[in-house]
Protein backbone atom coordinates (compact mmCIF):
# COMPACT_ATOMS: atom_id res chain seq x y z
CA MET A 1 90.51 116.69 142.22
CA SER A 2 86.78 117.48 140.96
CA MET A 3 84.94 114.86 138.51
CA GLU A 4 84.83 117.87 136.11
CA GLN A 5 88.65 118.62 137.16
CA GLU A 6 89.14 114.70 136.32
CA LYS A 7 87.37 114.60 133.26
CA VAL A 8 89.36 117.08 131.99
CA HIS A 9 93.19 116.70 133.72
CA SER A 10 92.28 112.89 131.81
CA THR A 11 91.42 114.55 128.12
CA ASP A 12 94.60 116.28 128.51
CA LEU A 13 96.61 113.35 128.97
CA LEU A 14 95.11 111.75 125.44
CA ASN A 15 95.69 114.69 123.54
CA SER A 16 99.02 114.15 124.59
CA VAL A 17 99.03 110.39 122.63
CA ARG A 18 99.21 110.39 118.85
CA VAL A 19 98.81 107.02 116.45
CA VAL A 20 101.25 107.01 113.85
CA LEU A 21 100.24 104.86 111.20
CA VAL A 22 103.29 104.12 108.88
CA GLY A 23 103.04 103.02 104.77
CA THR A 24 99.38 101.97 105.59
CA THR A 25 98.20 100.42 102.26
CA HIS A 26 94.82 100.27 102.75
CA PRO A 27 92.55 103.12 102.83
CA GLY A 28 89.72 101.02 104.89
CA ASN A 29 92.28 100.54 107.89
CA ILE A 30 93.24 104.53 107.51
CA GLY A 31 89.58 105.24 109.51
CA ALA A 32 88.86 101.68 111.05
CA THR A 33 92.07 102.80 112.90
CA ALA A 34 90.24 106.73 113.45
CA ARG A 35 87.19 104.68 114.81
CA ALA A 36 89.30 103.00 117.22
CA MET A 37 90.47 106.11 118.74
CA LYS A 38 88.18 107.72 119.01
CA ASN A 39 85.89 105.87 120.58
CA MET A 40 88.72 105.24 123.30
CA GLY A 41 89.22 109.32 123.03
CA ILE A 42 92.50 109.33 121.48
CA VAL A 43 92.07 112.03 118.52
CA ASN A 44 95.54 112.87 116.95
CA LEU A 45 96.42 110.43 114.19
CA ALA A 46 100.03 110.91 111.94
CA LEU A 47 100.24 109.36 108.92
CA VAL A 48 103.99 108.18 107.27
CA LYS A 49 103.69 107.68 103.60
CA PRO A 50 100.50 106.48 103.56
CA LYS A 51 99.57 104.99 100.08
CA ASP A 52 96.09 106.02 99.64
CA PHE A 53 94.94 109.03 100.57
CA PRO A 54 92.17 110.96 100.92
CA SER A 55 89.85 108.79 100.90
CA ASN A 56 86.02 107.90 100.79
CA GLU A 57 86.62 104.52 102.19
CA ALA A 58 88.41 105.59 105.41
CA ILE A 59 86.35 107.74 104.88
CA TYR A 60 83.54 105.35 105.19
CA ARG A 61 85.35 103.87 107.45
CA SER A 62 85.91 105.66 110.17
CA LYS A 63 81.88 106.40 110.61
CA ALA A 64 81.37 108.83 112.88
CA ALA A 65 85.54 109.67 113.47
CA LYS A 66 85.95 111.98 110.77
CA ASP A 67 87.19 115.08 112.30
CA VAL A 68 90.32 112.38 113.23
CA LEU A 69 90.13 111.55 109.56
CA GLU A 70 90.35 114.95 109.32
CA SER A 71 93.51 116.95 111.44
CA ALA A 72 95.52 114.37 110.49
CA GLN A 73 98.62 114.99 110.11
CA ILE A 74 101.18 113.61 107.15
CA TYR A 75 104.72 113.20 106.51
CA GLU A 76 107.19 111.81 104.60
CA ASN A 77 109.30 109.75 107.42
CA LEU A 78 108.78 108.36 110.27
CA GLU A 79 111.58 110.81 112.07
CA ASP A 80 109.74 113.63 110.93
CA ALA A 81 106.23 112.39 113.53
CA VAL A 82 107.41 111.77 116.41
CA SER A 83 110.75 113.78 116.32
CA ASP A 84 108.99 116.42 119.32
CA CYS A 85 107.68 113.57 121.25
CA GLU A 86 109.96 112.12 123.96
CA LEU A 87 108.29 108.66 123.77
CA VAL A 88 107.85 106.56 121.09
CA ILE A 89 106.21 103.15 120.83
CA GLY A 90 106.60 100.19 118.25
CA THR A 91 104.87 98.14 117.54
CA SER A 92 106.82 94.57 117.09
CA ALA A 93 105.73 90.72 116.07
CA ARG A 94 108.55 89.25 115.66
CA GLY A 95 112.53 88.91 116.87
CA ARG A 96 115.31 91.55 116.64
CA THR A 97 118.53 90.53 116.00
CA VAL A 98 120.23 93.01 118.32
CA PRO A 99 117.02 92.95 121.66
CA TRP A 100 115.64 96.12 122.06
CA PRO A 101 112.53 96.45 125.48
CA VAL A 102 109.72 94.45 125.21
CA LEU A 103 106.73 95.99 127.30
CA SER A 104 102.95 94.34 127.24
CA PRO A 105 100.27 96.06 126.19
CA LYS A 106 99.42 96.41 129.72
CA GLU A 107 102.40 97.73 130.41
CA ALA A 108 103.46 100.24 127.36
CA ALA A 109 100.15 101.82 128.28
CA ASP A 110 101.33 102.38 131.98
CA ARG A 111 104.17 103.74 130.39
CA VAL A 112 102.59 105.46 128.63
CA ALA A 113 99.64 106.46 131.24
CA VAL A 114 102.83 108.15 133.34
CA HIS A 115 104.62 110.20 130.89
CA SER A 116 102.47 111.69 129.01
CA GLU A 117 101.71 114.40 131.65
CA ASN A 118 104.08 116.25 130.30
CA ASN A 119 105.52 114.91 128.05
CA LYS A 120 103.78 114.16 124.33
CA VAL A 121 104.18 109.81 123.86
CA ALA A 122 103.56 108.56 119.64
CA ILE A 123 103.09 104.73 119.50
CA VAL A 124 103.82 103.67 115.71
CA PHE A 125 101.88 101.02 114.23
CA GLY A 126 103.71 98.96 111.14
CA ARG A 127 102.79 98.30 107.19
CA GLU A 128 100.26 95.56 107.40
CA ASP A 129 101.54 93.06 105.61
CA ARG A 130 105.79 93.43 107.35
CA GLY A 131 105.31 95.97 109.86
CA LEU A 132 108.59 98.40 110.97
CA THR A 133 111.65 98.14 109.44
CA ASN A 134 114.14 98.22 111.39
CA GLN A 135 115.59 101.02 111.35
CA GLU A 136 111.92 102.68 111.60
CA LEU A 137 111.84 100.35 115.56
CA GLY A 138 115.22 101.85 115.88
CA LEU A 139 113.89 105.61 116.62
CA CYS A 140 111.57 104.39 119.09
CA ASN A 141 112.65 104.16 123.39
CA LEU A 142 110.16 100.85 123.39
CA HIS A 143 108.27 97.91 121.57
CA VAL A 144 105.24 96.32 122.63
CA HIS A 145 104.21 92.83 121.06
CA ILE A 146 101.12 91.77 121.51
CA PRO A 147 100.59 88.38 122.23
CA THR A 148 98.39 86.43 119.55
CA ASP A 149 98.86 82.42 119.61
CA PRO A 150 101.86 81.95 117.21
CA GLU A 151 99.50 78.96 115.37
CA TYR A 152 97.66 81.55 114.19
CA SER A 153 99.28 85.71 114.63
CA SER A 154 97.39 87.49 112.25
CA LEU A 155 96.11 90.24 113.98
CA ASN A 156 94.39 93.69 111.52
CA LEU A 157 96.29 96.52 112.04
CA ALA A 158 93.34 99.49 113.45
CA GLN A 159 92.43 96.56 115.85
CA ALA A 160 96.07 96.55 116.56
CA VAL A 161 95.59 99.79 117.12
CA GLN A 162 92.20 98.77 119.52
CA ILE A 163 94.49 97.53 121.88
CA LEU A 164 97.17 99.35 122.31
CA VAL A 165 94.96 102.93 122.59
CA TYR A 166 92.84 100.55 124.97
CA GLU A 167 94.62 99.88 127.30
CA ILE A 168 96.68 102.76 127.14
CA ARG A 169 92.67 105.07 128.09
CA VAL A 170 92.40 102.29 131.25
CA SER A 171 95.75 102.99 132.55
CA ILE A 172 95.30 106.40 132.83
CA LEU A 173 91.45 106.85 133.63
CA LYS A 174 93.03 104.75 136.79
CA ASP A 175 96.43 105.94 137.07
CA GLN A 176 95.84 109.28 137.45
CA GLU A 177 97.35 109.33 140.83
CA TYR A 178 100.95 108.75 139.94
CA GLU A 179 103.06 111.25 138.25
CA GLU A 180 106.58 111.38 136.84
CA TYR A 181 108.29 114.14 138.55
CA TRP A 182 111.60 115.93 136.43
CA ASP A 183 113.98 118.28 137.06
CA VAL A 184 114.79 118.79 133.34
CA ASP A 185 111.93 118.44 130.69
CA LEU A 186 113.32 114.88 128.63
CA ALA A 187 115.20 115.26 125.55
CA THR A 188 112.52 114.94 122.27
CA ASN A 189 112.93 112.28 119.42
CA GLU A 190 114.50 114.97 117.09
CA GLN A 191 117.56 116.36 120.17
CA THR A 192 118.65 111.84 121.21
CA GLU A 193 119.06 111.38 116.51
CA ARG A 194 121.69 114.70 117.15
CA LEU A 195 122.91 112.83 119.90
CA ILE A 196 123.29 110.32 119.17
CA ASP A 197 124.59 111.41 115.40
CA HIS A 198 127.34 113.81 117.13
CA MET A 199 128.04 109.79 118.53
CA ASP A 200 129.08 108.69 115.35
CA GLU A 201 130.65 111.69 114.51
CA LEU A 202 132.78 111.74 116.97
CA MET A 203 134.32 107.83 116.66
CA LYS A 204 135.39 108.54 113.85
CA GLU A 205 137.29 110.66 114.05
CA VAL A 206 138.90 108.86 116.83
CA GLU A 207 138.36 105.80 114.77
CA PHE A 208 137.30 103.97 117.02
CA TYR A 209 135.57 101.05 115.02
CA ASP A 210 135.94 100.41 111.44
CA VAL A 211 133.88 102.15 109.05
CA GLN A 212 133.69 99.45 106.23
CA ASN A 213 131.84 97.47 109.16
CA PRO A 214 130.57 98.21 112.18
CA ARG A 215 128.78 95.53 112.76
CA LYS A 216 125.70 96.56 115.85
CA LEU A 217 127.96 99.06 117.22
CA LEU A 218 124.98 102.16 115.79
CA LEU A 219 122.48 99.31 116.92
CA ARG A 220 123.59 99.45 120.03
CA VAL A 221 124.67 102.79 120.82
CA ARG A 222 121.20 104.38 119.99
CA ARG A 223 119.61 101.17 121.61
CA PHE A 224 121.03 102.59 125.01
CA PHE A 225 120.60 105.89 124.81
CA LYS A 226 116.88 105.34 123.46
CA ARG A 227 116.38 103.62 126.20
CA SER A 228 117.27 105.40 129.16
CA ARG A 229 115.42 108.91 127.46
CA ILE A 230 117.56 110.68 128.07
CA ASP A 231 116.52 114.69 129.41
CA VAL A 232 117.73 117.46 127.80
CA MET A 233 120.43 118.89 129.96
CA GLU A 234 121.92 115.09 130.33
CA ALA A 235 121.91 115.29 126.09
CA ASN A 236 123.33 119.31 126.15
CA ILE A 237 126.92 117.89 128.28
CA PHE A 238 127.27 115.11 125.68
CA ARG A 239 127.58 117.17 123.25
CA GLY A 240 129.58 119.19 125.13
CA LEU A 241 132.23 116.69 125.72
CA PHE A 242 131.99 115.42 122.21
CA ALA A 243 132.55 118.98 120.95
CA ALA A 244 135.36 119.16 123.87
CA ILE A 245 136.80 116.20 122.70
CA GLN A 246 136.52 117.41 118.75
CA LYS A 247 138.76 120.70 119.89
CA LYS A 248 141.17 119.43 121.64
CA LEU A 249 141.32 116.75 118.24
CA LYS A 250 142.35 119.87 115.92
């Protein structure tokens, strides 16, 4: 591959990466995020229910990244923002009651570099004051944690974005030769969610669990499928099996 071809290839990979901000309250943080993204060649920005956008403050803080703001997509919920993505990585600053695969920024970037070859990837950042909810983190395949000093863990939103997009750029530019081959397209987040809903429907029909007291069953089922990162054919096999069982029950 020539130098020019490598440059085009790198741009294509970076264009497969989407930065998603959920519930951002200060427009300046959106502008600073756009600036951080454009510095690393990533321009796909999605905003989930921003408190104040469009905003002159966002434009001012973006400096020369106004184009990233102008092309940003706005969504009502995170599920819609990542529905077409095959890999979704959520940022998390605290431990959860049910453990989830957690990566360092470099490990997350290496995953992105591999999967952005043929798939859309989303990196999700939560609210400035409380991050992502457990439900929102449940929509993610993997979680990433930025290790900070436990005595002063107070990263600004744009700083967190800068760390992740920097690592992603370095990994994509360095590791293009590592391509993951798969014979079938990976299931999108929306397809995986439909599969989980179908399984839940079947479990209720066979009274597999107490609907009034499900405990953490559904969360563990969700974690299994998100961690497995199934492909489209595998998702269809599961759904076909569930449908066949439901037919037999009637």
